[in-house]
């Protein structure tokens, strides 16, 4: 049990654990050097930079799949371009 510094009241703490798996990939040395440079610039571990990049890639692919699925319905309503959508919601 952990106690708050100024009182004798116990403080409960919750810890979140994430189950992570290891993924091994092969990348060209030039790309690895760029990844290391970015890692140093951002003061992040290479794993964190790669994890953020993969997370972003997955989100974009989900968006593209959803867009492809709803595109026929949007076109039927007269939304042919992104500009049509922006005009409608502005």
Protein backbone atom coordinates (compact mmCIF):
# COMPACT_ATOMS: atom_id res chain seq x y z
CA UNK A 1 0.00 0.00 0.00
CA UNK A 2 1.27 3.50 -0.84
CA UNK A 3 0.66 6.45 1.50
CA UNK A 4 0.31 10.08 0.44
CA UNK A 5 3.30 12.14 1.60
CA UNK A 6 1.32 14.61 3.72
CA UNK A 7 -1.22 12.26 5.29
CA UNK A 8 -1.56 8.80 6.63
CA UNK A 9 -4.29 8.13 4.08
CA UNK A 10 -3.49 5.24 1.78
CA UNK A 11 -3.53 6.05 -1.93
CA UNK A 12 -4.52 3.37 -4.37
CA UNK A 13 -2.73 3.28 -7.69
CA UNK A 14 -3.75 1.47 -10.80
CA UNK A 15 -1.22 0.33 -13.34
CA UNK A 16 -2.16 -0.39 -16.93
CA UNK A 17 -0.34 -3.21 -18.58
CA UNK A 18 -0.28 -3.57 -22.33
CA UNK A 19 0.43 -6.92 -23.83
CA UNK A 20 2.82 -6.36 -26.69
CA UNK A 21 4.21 -8.79 -29.17
CA UNK A 22 7.55 -8.54 -30.90
CA UNK A 23 7.64 -8.03 -34.66
CA UNK A 24 10.89 -8.42 -36.56
CA UNK A 25 11.22 -6.63 -39.87
CA UNK A 26 14.03 -6.17 -42.34
CA UNK A 27 14.68 -2.66 -43.62
CA UNK A 28 17.46 -1.23 -45.77
CA UNK A 29 20.40 0.29 -43.89
CA UNK A 30 19.64 3.76 -45.29
CA UNK A 31 16.09 3.62 -43.93
CA UNK A 32 17.39 2.39 -40.56
CA UNK A 33 19.82 5.33 -40.43
CA UNK A 34 16.95 7.76 -41.12
CA UNK A 35 14.85 6.08 -38.46
CA UNK A 36 17.67 6.43 -35.94
CA UNK A 37 18.08 10.11 -36.86
CA UNK A 38 14.35 10.77 -36.35
CA UNK A 39 14.44 8.85 -33.09
CA UNK A 40 17.25 11.04 -31.76
CA UNK A 41 15.58 14.26 -32.97
CA UNK A 42 12.30 13.38 -31.27
CA UNK A 43 14.01 11.96 -28.20
CA UNK A 44 11.96 8.78 -28.58
CA UNK A 45 12.90 5.14 -28.76
CA UNK A 46 13.02 3.70 -32.27
CA UNK A 47 10.27 1.28 -31.24
CA UNK A 48 8.01 4.19 -30.27
CA UNK A 49 8.61 5.95 -33.60
CA UNK A 50 7.87 2.76 -35.54
CA UNK A 51 4.82 1.94 -33.39
CA UNK A 52 3.41 5.45 -33.99
CA UNK A 53 4.04 5.11 -37.72
CA UNK A 54 2.35 1.71 -37.92
CA UNK A 55 -0.60 3.00 -35.87
CA UNK A 56 -0.98 5.94 -38.27
CA UNK A 57 -0.71 3.64 -41.31
CA UNK A 58 -3.40 1.31 -39.94
CA UNK A 59 -5.72 4.28 -39.26
CA UNK A 60 -5.24 5.58 -42.81
CA UNK A 61 -5.95 2.15 -44.30
CA UNK A 62 -9.11 1.82 -42.20
CA UNK A 63 -10.21 5.24 -43.44
CA UNK A 64 -9.53 4.30 -47.06
CA UNK A 65 -11.50 1.07 -46.71
CA UNK A 66 -14.44 2.91 -45.14
CA UNK A 67 -14.30 5.60 -47.82
CA UNK A 68 -14.32 2.97 -50.55
CA UNK A 69 -17.33 1.33 -48.94
CA UNK A 70 -19.43 4.51 -48.64
CA UNK A 71 -18.33 6.12 -51.92
CA UNK A 72 -21.18 4.65 -54.01
CA UNK A 73 -23.74 6.00 -51.51
CA UNK A 74 -22.09 9.43 -51.46
CA UNK A 75 -21.97 9.60 -55.25
CA UNK A 76 -25.66 8.69 -55.41
CA UNK A 77 -26.33 11.76 -53.22
CA UNK A 78 -24.26 14.00 -55.52
CA UNK A 79 -21.04 14.05 -53.51
CA UNK A 80 -18.44 13.47 -56.20
CA UNK A 81 -15.41 15.24 -54.73
CA UNK A 82 -14.02 16.21 -51.33
CA UNK A 83 -14.93 19.79 -52.18
CA UNK A 84 -18.60 18.74 -52.50
CA UNK A 85 -18.45 17.35 -48.97
CA UNK A 86 -16.72 20.45 -47.59
CA UNK A 87 -19.32 22.71 -49.22
CA UNK A 88 -22.14 20.66 -47.73
CA UNK A 89 -20.80 20.80 -44.18
CA UNK A 90 -19.63 24.42 -44.26
